[in-house]
Amino acid sequence: TDAFEILKNRLTNAPIMNTPNFEQPFILELDACEYGVGAVLTQEYEEKKYVIAYASRTLSTAERNYGATEREALAIVWATKHFRPYLEGNKIYVRSDCKALEWMRTAKDVT
């Protein structure tokens, strides 16, 4: 329909979508639910937020048995691998609504 095409166009073109600025840190915004994980790669500078890319995938049958915290952790690992060409060698911030993963923010080494 026309409304869907307009929305799709606005979400995938400038000023919403932007090319990466490798001088600025990247932000991975993540979420997970019963059936999938999603991520938005963004950057914030010049008092603006820029979307670089969107990604999502469905969970496997086994992954659907994970608890909420495990699904959120899976989203972090999956998105980091998915966006590796952008992230490798650059500063990264992770945004997740999962309070159980808050410890990662202050951990010295999460490997």
PDB file of N, CA and C in Angstrom:
ATOM      1  N   THR A   1       0.833  -1.189   0.000  1.00  0.00           N
ATOM      2  CA  THR A   1       0.000   0.000   0.000  1.00  0.00           C
ATOM      3  C   THR A   1       0.873   1.246   0.000  1.00  0.00           C
ATOM      4  N   ASP A   2       0.268   2.376  -0.279  1.00  0.00           N
ATOM      5  CA  ASP A   2       1.019   3.627  -0.341  1.00  0.00           C
ATOM      6  C   ASP A   2       1.637   4.003   0.999  1.00  0.00           C
ATOM      7  N   ALA A   3       0.890   3.849   2.091  1.00  0.00           N
ATOM      8  CA  ALA A   3       1.401   4.209   3.414  1.00  0.00           C
ATOM      9  C   ALA A   3       2.622   3.374   3.774  1.00  0.00           C
ATOM     10  N   PHE A   4       2.582   2.083   3.472  1.00  0.00           N
ATOM     11  CA  PHE A   4       3.720   1.216   3.758  1.00  0.00           C
ATOM     12  C   PHE A   4       4.944   1.640   2.955  1.00  0.00           C
ATOM     13  N   GLU A   5       4.772   1.928   1.694  1.00  0.00           N
ATOM     14  CA  GLU A   5       5.892   2.347   0.841  1.00  0.00           C
ATOM     15  C   GLU A   5       6.483   3.671   1.312  1.00  0.00           C
ATOM     16  N   ILE A   6       5.646   4.593   1.740  1.00  0.00           N
ATOM     17  CA  ILE A   6       6.135   5.876   2.259  1.00  0.00           C
ATOM     18  C   ILE A   6       6.954   5.648   3.518  1.00  0.00           C
ATOM     19  N   LEU A   7       6.443   4.823   4.440  1.00  0.00           N
ATOM     20  CA  LEU A   7       7.166   4.524   5.677  1.00  0.00           C
ATOM     21  C   LEU A   7       8.489   3.837   5.378  1.00  0.00           C
ATOM     22  N   LYS A   8       8.475   2.848   4.503  1.00  0.00           N
ATOM     23  CA  LYS A   8       9.701   2.134   4.136  1.00  0.00           C
ATOM     24  C   LYS A   8      10.725   3.102   3.546  1.00  0.00           C
ATOM     25  N   ASN A   9      10.289   3.976   2.683  1.00  0.00           N
ATOM     26  CA  ASN A   9      11.181   4.955   2.063  1.00  0.00           C
ATOM     27  C   ASN A   9      11.784   5.892   3.104  1.00  0.00           C
ATOM     28  N   ARG A  10      10.983   6.343   4.042  1.00  0.00           N
ATOM     29  CA  ARG A  10      11.476   7.277   5.062  1.00  0.00           C
ATOM     30  C   ARG A  10      12.433   6.612   6.043  1.00  0.00           C
ATOM     31  N   LEU A  11      12.254   5.329   6.305  1.00  0.00           N
ATOM     32  CA  LEU A  11      13.138   4.627   7.243  1.00  0.00           C
ATOM     33  C   LEU A  11      14.461   4.199   6.617  1.00  0.00           C
ATOM     34  N   THR A  12      14.540   4.184   5.311  1.00  0.00           N
ATOM     35  CA  THR A  12      15.745   3.663   4.659  1.00  0.00           C
ATOM     36  C   THR A  12      16.501   4.699   3.842  1.00  0.00           C
ATOM     37  N   ASN A  13      16.139   5.941   3.944  1.00  0.00           N
ATOM     38  CA  ASN A  13      16.835   6.993   3.203  1.00  0.00           C
ATOM     39  C   ASN A  13      17.211   8.139   4.128  1.00  0.00           C
ATOM     40  N   ALA A  14      18.164   8.956   3.683  1.00  0.00           N
ATOM     41  CA  ALA A  14      18.584  10.122   4.463  1.00  0.00           C
ATOM     42  C   ALA A  14      17.370  11.008   4.704  1.00  0.00           C
ATOM     43  N   PRO A  15      17.242  11.671   5.819  1.00  0.00           N
ATOM     44  CA  PRO A  15      18.237  11.801   6.872  1.00  0.00           C
ATOM     45  C   PRO A  15      18.219  10.677   7.899  1.00  0.00           C
ATOM     46  N   ILE A  16      17.328   9.684   7.786  1.00  0.00           N
ATOM     47  CA  ILE A  16      17.301   8.584   8.750  1.00  0.00           C
ATOM     48  C   ILE A  16      18.544   7.712   8.604  1.00  0.00           C
ATOM     49  N   MET A  17      18.788   7.192   7.415  1.00  0.00           N
ATOM     50  CA  MET A  17      19.954   6.338   7.163  1.00  0.00           C
ATOM     51  C   MET A  17      21.142   7.215   6.783  1.00  0.00           C
ATOM     52  N   ASN A  18      22.322   6.793   7.194  1.00  0.00           N
ATOM     53  CA  ASN A  18      23.525   7.566   6.926  1.00  0.00           C
ATOM     54  C   ASN A  18      24.694   6.618   6.702  1.00  0.00           C
ATOM     55  N   THR A  19      25.730   7.108   6.072  1.00  0.00           N
ATOM     56  CA  THR A  19      26.955   6.328   5.934  1.00  0.00           C
ATOM     57  C   THR A  19      27.743   6.432   7.235  1.00  0.00           C
ATOM     58  N   PRO A  20      28.531   5.421   7.572  1.00  0.00           N
ATOM     59  CA  PRO A  20      29.262   5.456   8.840  1.00  0.00           C
ATOM     60  C   PRO A  20      30.363   6.504   8.845  1.00  0.00           C
ATOM     61  N   ASN A  21      30.563   7.097  10.006  1.00  0.00           N
ATOM     62  CA  ASN A  21      31.666   8.021  10.248  1.00  0.00           C
ATOM     63  C   ASN A  21      32.629   7.284  11.173  1.00  0.00           C
ATOM     64  N   PHE A  22      33.733   6.797  10.629  1.00  0.00           N
ATOM     65  CA  PHE A  22      34.647   5.965  11.409  1.00  0.00           C
ATOM     66  C   PHE A  22      35.469   6.756  12.416  1.00  0.00           C
ATOM     67  N   GLU A  23      35.255   8.061  12.473  1.00  0.00           N
ATOM     68  CA  GLU A  23      35.885   8.895  13.501  1.00  0.00           C
ATOM     69  C   GLU A  23      35.019   8.950  14.764  1.00  0.00           C
ATOM     70  N   GLN A  24      33.803   8.439  14.677  1.00  0.00           N
ATOM     71  CA  GLN A  24      32.858   8.484  15.794  1.00  0.00           C
ATOM     72  C   GLN A  24      32.578   7.069  16.309  1.00  0.00           C
ATOM     73  N   PRO A  25      32.257   6.936  17.608  1.00  0.00           N
ATOM     74  CA  PRO A  25      31.912   5.608  18.130  1.00  0.00           C
ATOM     75  C   PRO A  25      30.585   5.109  17.556  1.00  0.00           C
ATOM     76  N   PHE A  26      30.441   3.798  17.551  1.00  0.00           N
ATOM     77  CA  PHE A  26      29.209   3.163  17.096  1.00  0.00           C
ATOM     78  C   PHE A  26      28.369   2.760  18.303  1.00  0.00           C
ATOM     79  N   ILE A  27      27.062   2.739  18.110  1.00  0.00           N
ATOM     80  CA  ILE A  27      26.129   2.321  19.156  1.00  0.00           C
ATOM     81  C   ILE A  27      25.291   1.173  18.608  1.00  0.00           C
ATOM     82  N   LEU A  28      25.315   0.052  19.319  1.00  0.00           N
ATOM     83  CA  LEU A  28      24.465  -1.092  18.982  1.00  0.00           C
ATOM     84  C   LEU A  28      23.247  -1.041  19.889  1.00  0.00           C
ATOM     85  N   GLU A  29      22.075  -0.862  19.306  1.00  0.00           N
ATOM     86  CA  GLU A  29      20.830  -0.860  20.067  1.00  0.00           C
ATOM     87  C   GLU A  29      20.132  -2.187  19.793  1.00  0.00           C
ATOM     88  N   LEU A  30      19.878  -2.936  20.857  1.00  0.00           N
ATOM     89  CA  LEU A  30      19.442  -4.327  20.715  1.00  0.00           C
ATOM     90  C   LEU A  30      18.138  -4.610  21.430  1.00  0.00           C
ATOM     91  N   ASP A  31      17.450  -5.608  20.920  1.00  0.00           N
ATOM     92  CA  ASP A  31      16.283  -6.123  21.626  1.00  0.00           C
ATOM     93  C   ASP A  31      16.058  -7.568  21.197  1.00  0.00           C
ATOM     94  N   ALA A  32      15.430  -8.311  22.072  1.00  0.00           N
ATOM     95  CA  ALA A  32      15.121  -9.716  21.789  1.00  0.00           C
ATOM     96  C   ALA A  32      13.728 -10.013  22.314  1.00  0.00           C
ATOM     97  N   CYS A  33      13.075 -10.936  21.651  1.00  0.00           N
ATOM     98  CA  CYS A  33      11.757 -11.380  22.107  1.00  0.00           C
ATOM     99  C   CYS A  33      11.705 -12.897  21.977  1.00  0.00           C
ATOM    100  N   GLU A  34      10.543 -13.478  22.158  1.00  0.00           N
ATOM    101  CA  GLU A  34      10.386 -14.931  22.088  1.00  0.00           C
ATOM    102  C   GLU A  34      10.812 -15.520  20.756  1.00  0.00           C
ATOM    103  N   TYR A  35      10.667 -14.759  19.690  1.00  0.00           N
ATOM    104  CA  TYR A  35      10.847 -15.324  18.353  1.00  0.00           C
ATOM    105  C   TYR A  35      11.994 -14.740  17.544  1.00  0.00           C
ATOM    106  N   GLY A  36      12.659 -13.686  18.041  1.00  0.00           N
ATOM    107  CA  GLY A  36      13.718 -13.100  17.236  1.00  0.00           C
ATOM    108  C   GLY A  36      14.565 -12.106  17.997  1.00  0.00           C
ATOM    109  N   VAL A  37      15.627 -11.673  17.326  1.00  0.00           N
ATOM    110  CA  VAL A  37      16.507 -10.629  17.849  1.00  0.00           C
ATOM    111  C   VAL A  37      16.637  -9.556  16.777  1.00  0.00           C
ATOM    112  N   GLY A  38      16.843  -8.339  17.241  1.00  0.00           N
ATOM    113  CA  GLY A  38      16.995  -7.238  16.310  1.00  0.00           C
ATOM    114  C   GLY A  38      18.049  -6.273  16.803  1.00  0.00           C
ATOM    115  N   ALA A  39      18.643  -5.550  15.864  1.00  0.00           N
ATOM    116  CA  ALA A  39      19.675  -4.586  16.210  1.00  0.00           C
ATOM    117  C   ALA A  39      19.616  -3.410  15.246  1.00  0.00           C
ATOM    118  N   VAL A  40      19.957  -2.253  15.779  1.00  0.00           N
ATOM    119  CA  VAL A  40      20.108  -1.060  14.962  1.00  0.00           C
ATOM    120  C   VAL A  40      21.492  -0.515  15.261  1.00  0.00           C
ATOM    121  N   LEU A  41      22.288  -0.326  14.224  1.00  0.00           N
ATOM    122  CA  LEU A  41      23.617   0.261  14.367  1.00  0.00           C
ATOM    123  C   LEU A  41      23.468   1.755  14.138  1.00  0.00           C
ATOM    124  N   THR A  42      23.830   2.540  15.152  1.00  0.00           N
ATOM    125  CA  THR A  42      23.671   3.986  15.062  1.00  0.00           C
ATOM    126  C   THR A  42      24.956   4.695  15.458  1.00  0.00           C
ATOM    127  N   GLN A  43      24.959   5.991  15.218  1.00  0.00           N
ATOM    128  CA  GLN A  43      26.004   6.880  15.710  1.00  0.00           C
ATOM    129  C   GLN A  43      25.327   8.165  16.156  1.00  0.00           C
ATOM    130  N   GLU A  44      25.904   8.810  17.167  1.00  0.00           N
ATOM    131  CA  GLU A  44      25.382  10.082  17.646  1.00  0.00           C
ATOM    132  C   GLU A  44      26.519  11.088  17.692  1.00  0.00           C
ATOM    133  N   TYR A  45      26.380  12.149  16.935  1.00  0.00           N
ATOM    134  CA  TYR A  45      27.324  13.265  16.953  1.00  0.00           C
ATOM    135  C   TYR A  45      26.639  14.474  16.341  1.00  0.00           C
ATOM    136  N   GLU A  46      27.229  15.645  16.566  1.00  0.00           N
ATOM    137  CA  GLU A  46      26.627  16.905  16.110  1.00  0.00           C
ATOM    138  C   GLU A  46      25.186  17.025  16.598  1.00  0.00           C
ATOM    139  N   GLU A  47      24.936  16.515  17.814  1.00  0.00           N
ATOM    140  CA  GLU A  47      23.618  16.557  18.446  1.00  0.00           C
ATOM    141  C   GLU A  47      22.527  15.871  17.625  1.00  0.00           C
ATOM    142  N   LYS A  48      22.918  14.884  16.807  1.00  0.00           N
ATOM    143  CA  LYS A  48      21.964  14.124  16.005  1.00  0.00           C
ATOM    144  C   LYS A  48      22.253  12.637  16.130  1.00  0.00           C
ATOM    145  N   LYS A  49      21.222  11.851  15.882  1.00  0.00           N
ATOM    146  CA  LYS A  49      21.367  10.398  15.855  1.00  0.00           C
ATOM    147  C   LYS A  49      21.267   9.942  14.406  1.00  0.00           C
ATOM    148  N   TYR A  50      22.230   9.122  13.982  1.00  0.00           N
ATOM    149  CA  TYR A  50      22.271   8.628  12.613  1.00  0.00           C
ATOM    150  C   TYR A  50      22.146   7.107  12.610  1.00  0.00           C
ATOM    151  N   VAL A  51      21.212   6.584  11.846  1.00  0.00           N
ATOM    152  CA  VAL A  51      21.077   5.140  11.684  1.00  0.00           C
ATOM    153  C   VAL A  51      21.997   4.706  10.555  1.00  0.00           C
ATOM    154  N   ILE A  52      22.839   3.719  10.836  1.00  0.00           N
ATOM    155  CA  ILE A  52      23.753   3.177   9.836  1.00  0.00           C
ATOM    156  C   ILE A  52      23.135   1.945   9.181  1.00  0.00           C
ATOM    157  N   ALA A  53      22.570   1.048   9.998  1.00  0.00           N
ATOM    158  CA  ALA A  53      22.002  -0.188   9.446  1.00  0.00           C
ATOM    159  C   ALA A  53      21.032  -0.822  10.438  1.00  0.00           C
ATOM    160  N   TYR A  54      20.115  -1.599   9.893  1.00  0.00           N
ATOM    161  CA  TYR A  54      19.166  -2.405  10.672  1.00  0.00           C
ATOM    162  C   TYR A  54      19.471  -3.883  10.413  1.00  0.00           C
ATOM    163  N   ALA A  55      19.216  -4.723  11.413  1.00  0.00           N
ATOM    164  CA  ALA A  55      19.365  -6.165  11.204  1.00  0.00           C
ATOM    165  C   ALA A  55      18.438  -6.903  12.168  1.00  0.00           C
ATOM    166  N   SER A  56      17.958  -8.049  11.723  1.00  0.00           N
ATOM    167  CA  SER A  56      17.150  -8.898  12.601  1.00  0.00           C
ATOM    168  C   SER A  56      17.196 -10.325  12.083  1.00  0.00           C
ATOM    169  N   ARG A  57      16.848 -11.230  12.962  1.00  0.00           N
ATOM    170  CA  ARG A  57      16.728 -12.628  12.555  1.00  0.00           C
ATOM    171  C   ARG A  57      15.797 -13.338  13.515  1.00  0.00           C
ATOM    172  N   THR A  58      15.237 -14.444  13.036  1.00  0.00           N
ATOM    173  CA  THR A  58      14.386 -15.256  13.898  1.00  0.00           C
ATOM    174  C   THR A  58      15.264 -16.199  14.719  1.00  0.00           C
ATOM    175  N   LEU A  59      14.750 -16.612  15.836  1.00  0.00           N
ATOM    176  CA  LEU A  59      15.467 -17.555  16.691  1.00  0.00           C
ATOM    177  C   LEU A  59      15.221 -18.977  16.212  1.00  0.00           C
ATOM    178  N   SER A  60      16.231 -19.814  16.401  1.00  0.00           N
ATOM    179  CA  SER A  60      16.065 -21.236  16.093  1.00  0.00           C
ATOM    180  C   SER A  60      15.138 -21.855  17.137  1.00  0.00           C
ATOM    181  N   THR A  61      14.708 -23.061  16.882  1.00  0.00           N
ATOM    182  CA  THR A  61      13.836 -23.756  17.830  1.00  0.00           C
ATOM    183  C   THR A  61      14.513 -23.868  19.193  1.00  0.00           C
ATOM    184  N   ALA A  62      15.790 -24.210  19.210  1.00  0.00           N
ATOM    185  CA  ALA A  62      16.526 -24.329  20.477  1.00  0.00           C
ATOM    186  C   ALA A  62      16.656 -22.970  21.163  1.00  0.00           C
ATOM    187  N   GLU A  63      16.936 -21.914  20.392  1.00  0.00           N
ATOM    188  CA  GLU A  63      17.103 -20.579  20.968  1.00  0.00           C
ATOM    189  C   GLU A  63      15.802 -20.049  21.564  1.00  0.00           C
ATOM    190  N   ARG A  64      14.674 -20.522  21.076  1.00  0.00           N
ATOM    191  CA  ARG A  64      13.381 -20.092  21.624  1.00  0.00           C
ATOM    192  C   ARG A  64      13.183 -20.586  23.053  1.00  0.00           C
ATOM    193  N   ASN A  65      13.970 -21.576  23.459  1.00  0.00           N
ATOM    194  CA  ASN A  65      13.911 -22.076  24.833  1.00  0.00           C
ATOM    195  C   ASN A  65      14.751 -21.242  25.790  1.00  0.00           C
ATOM    196  N   TYR A  66      15.556 -20.317  25.276  1.00  0.00           N
ATOM    197  CA  TYR A  66      16.387 -19.466  26.125  1.00  0.00           C
ATOM    198  C   TYR A  66      15.494 -18.554  26.969  1.00  0.00           C
ATOM    199  N   GLY A  67      16.004 -18.200  28.132  1.00  0.00           N
ATOM    200  CA  GLY A  67      15.327 -17.199  28.950  1.00  0.00           C
ATOM    201  C   GLY A  67      15.574 -15.810  28.374  1.00  0.00           C
ATOM    202  N   ALA A  68      14.908 -14.817  28.932  1.00  0.00           N
ATOM    203  CA  ALA A  68      15.015 -13.446  28.420  1.00  0.00           C
ATOM    204  C   ALA A  68      16.453 -12.932  28.450  1.00  0.00           C
ATOM    205  N   THR A  69      17.172 -13.187  29.537  1.00  0.00           N
ATOM    206  CA  THR A  69      18.552 -12.709  29.645  1.00  0.00           C
ATOM    207  C   THR A  69      19.443 -13.371  28.607  1.00  0.00           C
ATOM    208  N   GLU A  70      19.274 -14.668  28.412  1.00  0.00           N
ATOM    209  CA  GLU A  70      20.083 -15.379  27.417  1.00  0.00           C
ATOM    210  C   GLU A  70      19.782 -14.882  26.003  1.00  0.00           C
ATOM    211  N   ARG A  71      18.516 -14.577  25.726  1.00  0.00           N
ATOM    212  CA  ARG A  71      18.167 -14.041  24.400  1.00  0.00           C
ATOM    213  C   ARG A  71      18.794 -12.670  24.184  1.00  0.00           C
ATOM    214  N   GLU A  72      18.810 -11.836  25.213  1.00  0.00           N
ATOM    215  CA  GLU A  72      19.441 -10.513  25.093  1.00  0.00           C
ATOM    216  C   GLU A  72      20.950 -10.661  24.894  1.00  0.00           C
ATOM    217  N   ALA A  73      21.580 -11.592  25.621  1.00  0.00           N
ATOM    218  CA  ALA A  73      23.012 -11.841  25.434  1.00  0.00           C
ATOM    219  C   ALA A  73      23.280 -12.364  24.029  1.00  0.00           C
ATOM    220  N   LEU A  74      22.422 -13.250  23.547  1.00  0.00           N
ATOM    221  CA  LEU A  74      22.537 -13.750  22.179  1.00  0.00           C
ATOM    222  C   LEU A  74      22.454 -12.598  21.186  1.00  0.00           C
ATOM    223  N   ALA A  75      21.555 -11.655  21.419  1.00  0.00           N
ATOM    224  CA  ALA A  75      21.418 -10.501  20.524  1.00  0.00           C
ATOM    225  C   ALA A  75      22.717  -9.706  20.460  1.00  0.00           C
ATOM    226  N   ILE A  76      23.384  -9.539  21.593  1.00  0.00           N
ATOM    227  CA  ILE A  76      24.652  -8.803  21.620  1.00  0.00           C
ATOM    228  C   ILE A  76      25.709  -9.533  20.807  1.00  0.00           C
ATOM    229  N   VAL A  77      25.864 -10.828  21.056  1.00  0.00           N
ATOM    230  CA  VAL A  77      26.874 -11.614  20.335  1.00  0.00           C
ATOM    231  C   VAL A  77      26.568 -11.632  18.843  1.00  0.00           C
ATOM    232  N   TRP A  78      25.320 -11.911  18.488  1.00  0.00           N
ATOM    233  CA  TRP A  78      24.940 -11.986  17.077  1.00  0.00           C
ATOM    234  C   TRP A  78      25.152 -10.648  16.369  1.00  0.00           C
ATOM    235  N   ALA A  79      24.697  -9.551  16.986  1.00  0.00           N
ATOM    236  CA  ALA A  79      24.819  -8.232  16.346  1.00  0.00           C
ATOM    237  C   ALA A  79      26.275  -7.809  16.215  1.00  0.00           C
ATOM    238  N   THR A  80      27.087  -8.130  17.210  1.00  0.00           N
ATOM    239  CA  THR A  80      28.512  -7.796  17.131  1.00  0.00           C
ATOM    240  C   THR A  80      29.164  -8.529  15.965  1.00  0.00           C
ATOM    241  N   LYS A  81      28.837  -9.796  15.792  1.00  0.00           N
ATOM    242  CA  LYS A  81      29.366 -10.550  14.648  1.00  0.00           C
ATOM    243  C   LYS A  81      28.807 -10.015  13.330  1.00  0.00           C
ATOM    244  N   HIS A  82      27.520  -9.726  13.304  1.00  0.00           N
ATOM    245  CA  HIS A  82      26.864  -9.255  12.078  1.00  0.00           C
ATOM    246  C   HIS A  82      27.461  -7.925  11.593  1.00  0.00           C
ATOM    247  N   PHE A  83      27.708  -7.022  12.528  1.00  0.00           N
ATOM    248  CA  PHE A  83      28.223  -5.694  12.179  1.00  0.00           C
ATOM    249  C   PHE A  83      29.737  -5.579  12.337  1.00  0.00           C
ATOM    250  N   ARG A  84      30.419  -6.701  12.422  1.00  0.00           N
ATOM    251  CA  ARG A  84      31.866  -6.708  12.642  1.00  0.00           C
ATOM    252  C   ARG A  84      32.649  -5.794  11.698  1.00  0.00           C
ATOM    253  N   PRO A  85      32.355  -5.759  10.401  1.00  0.00           N
ATOM    254  CA  PRO A  85      33.125  -4.866   9.523  1.00  0.00           C
ATOM    255  C   PRO A  85      33.072  -3.393   9.952  1.00  0.00           C
ATOM    256  N   TYR A  86      31.987  -2.979  10.553  1.00  0.00           N
ATOM    257  CA  TYR A  86      31.880  -1.608  11.048  1.00  0.00           C
ATOM    258  C   TYR A  86      32.568  -1.440  12.399  1.00  0.00           C
ATOM    259  N   LEU A  87      32.447  -2.445  13.249  1.00  0.00           N
ATOM    260  CA  LEU A  87      32.820  -2.312  14.652  1.00  0.00           C
ATOM    261  C   LEU A  87      34.282  -2.599  14.951  1.00  0.00           C
ATOM    262  N   GLU A  88      34.888  -3.481  14.190  1.00  0.00           N
ATOM    263  CA  GLU A  88      36.251  -3.914  14.496  1.00  0.00           C
ATOM    264  C   GLU A  88      37.208  -2.726  14.509  1.00  0.00           C
ATOM    265  N   GLY A  89      37.895  -2.566  15.629  1.00  0.00           N
ATOM    266  CA  GLY A  89      38.868  -1.489  15.780  1.00  0.00           C
ATOM    267  C   GLY A  89      38.261  -0.152  16.159  1.00  0.00           C
ATOM    268  N   ASN A  90      36.957  -0.109  16.371  1.00  0.00           N
ATOM    269  CA  ASN A  90      36.283   1.139  16.726  1.00  0.00           C
ATOM    270  C   ASN A  90      35.650   1.032  18.108  1.00  0.00           C
ATOM    271  N   LYS A  91      35.414   2.175  18.715  1.00  0.00           N
ATOM    272  CA  LYS A  91      34.745   2.214  20.009  1.00  0.00           C
ATOM    273  C   LYS A  91      33.268   1.874  19.808  1.00  0.00           C
ATOM    274  N   ILE A  92      32.728   1.046  20.726  1.00  0.00           N
ATOM    275  CA  ILE A  92      31.351   0.563  20.616  1.00  0.00           C
ATOM    276  C   ILE A  92      30.631   0.778  21.951  1.00  0.00           C
ATOM    277  N   TYR A  93      29.403   1.226  21.868  1.00  0.00           N
ATOM    278  CA  TYR A  93      28.506   1.269  23.019  1.00  0.00           C
ATOM    279  C   TYR A  93      27.350   0.327  22.728  1.00  0.00           C
ATOM    280  N   VAL A  94      26.882  -0.366  23.759  1.00  0.00           N
ATOM    281  CA  VAL A  94      25.763  -1.290  23.601  1.00  0.00           C
ATOM    282  C   VAL A  94      24.597  -0.776  24.434  1.00  0.00           C
ATOM    283  N   ARG A  95      23.439  -0.689  23.799  1.00  0.00           N
ATOM    284  CA  ARG A  95      22.217  -0.291  24.504  1.00  0.00           C
ATOM    285  C   ARG A  95      21.230  -1.446  24.460  1.00  0.00           C
ATOM    286  N   SER A  96      20.835  -1.872  25.657  1.00  0.00           N
ATOM    287  CA  SER A  96      19.874  -2.965  25.787  1.00  0.00           C
ATOM    288  C   SER A  96      18.955  -2.642  26.949  1.00  0.00           C
ATOM    289  N   ASP A  97      17.726  -3.095  26.881  1.00  0.00           N
ATOM    290  CA  ASP A  97      16.797  -2.870  27.984  1.00  0.00           C
ATOM    291  C   ASP A  97      16.868  -3.973  29.034  1.00  0.00           C
ATOM    292  N   CYS A  98      17.854  -4.846  28.926  1.00  0.00           N
ATOM    293  CA  CYS A  98      17.988  -5.982  29.840  1.00  0.00           C
ATOM    294  C   CYS A  98      18.832  -5.592  31.055  1.00  0.00           C
ATOM    295  N   LYS A  99      18.190  -5.413  32.186  1.00  0.00           N
ATOM    296  CA  LYS A  99      18.892  -5.014  33.413  1.00  0.00           C
ATOM    297  C   LYS A  99      19.835  -6.105  33.915  1.00  0.00           C
ATOM    298  N   ALA A 100      19.548  -7.356  33.615  1.00  0.00           N
ATOM    299  CA  ALA A 100      20.400  -8.457  34.076  1.00  0.00           C
ATOM    300  C   ALA A 100      21.782  -8.414  33.429  1.00  0.00           C
ATOM    301  N   LEU A 101      21.915  -7.737  32.297  1.00  0.00           N
ATOM    302  CA  LEU A 101      23.217  -7.638  31.625  1.00  0.00           C
ATOM    303  C   LEU A 101      23.964  -6.360  31.988  1.00  0.00           C
ATOM    304  N   GLU A 102      23.460  -5.626  32.953  1.00  0.00           N
ATOM    305  CA  GLU A 102      24.067  -4.360  33.372  1.00  0.00           C
ATOM    306  C   GLU A 102      25.521  -4.531  33.825  1.00  0.00           C
ATOM    307  N   TRP A 103      25.860  -5.700  34.363  1.00  0.00           N
ATOM    308  CA  TRP A 103      27.216  -5.950  34.849  1.00  0.00           C
ATOM    309  C   TRP A 103      28.257  -5.782  33.744  1.00  0.00           C
ATOM    310  N   MET A 104      27.865  -5.984  32.495  1.00  0.00           N
ATOM    311  CA  MET A 104      28.829  -5.871  31.391  1.00  0.00           C
ATOM    312  C   MET A 104      29.371  -4.451  31.256  1.00  0.00           C
ATOM    313  N   ARG A 105      28.590  -3.485  31.700  1.00  0.00           N
ATOM    314  CA  ARG A 105      28.994  -2.091  31.560  1.00  0.00           C
ATOM    315  C   ARG A 105      30.254  -1.778  32.360  1.00  0.00           C
ATOM    316  N   THR A 106      30.419  -2.412  33.500  1.00  0.00           N
ATOM    317  CA  THR A 106      31.557  -2.116  34.359  1.00  0.00           C
ATOM    318  C   THR A 106      32.623  -3.210  34.350  1.00  0.00           C
ATOM    319  N   ALA A 107      32.378  -4.299  33.648  1.00  0.00           N
ATOM    320  CA  ALA A 107      33.350  -5.397  33.604  1.00  0.00           C
ATOM    321  C   ALA A 107      34.590  -4.979  32.824  1.00  0.00           C
ATOM    322  N   LYS A 108      35.751  -5.383  33.317  1.00  0.00           N
ATOM    323  CA  LYS A 108      37.002  -5.057  32.633  1.00  0.00           C
ATOM    324  C   LYS A 108      37.197  -5.915  31.391  1.00  0.00           C
ATOM    325  N   ASP A 109      36.819  -7.197  31.482  1.00  0.00           N
ATOM    326  CA  ASP A 109      36.990  -8.122  30.363  1.00  0.00           C
ATOM    327  C   ASP A 109      35.785  -9.051  30.334  1.00  0.00           C
ATOM    328  N   VAL A 110      34.977  -8.940  29.284  1.00  0.00           N
ATOM    329  CA  VAL A 110      33.761  -9.748  29.212  1.00  0.00           C
ATOM    330  C   VAL A 110      33.925 -10.992  28.355  1.00  0.00           C
ATOM    331  N   THR A 111      35.154 -11.313  27.957  1.00  0.00           N
ATOM    332  CA  THR A 111      35.377 -12.506  27.135  1.00  0.00           C
ATOM    333  C   THR A 111      35.464 -13.744  27.989  1.00  0.00           C
TER     334      THR A 111
END
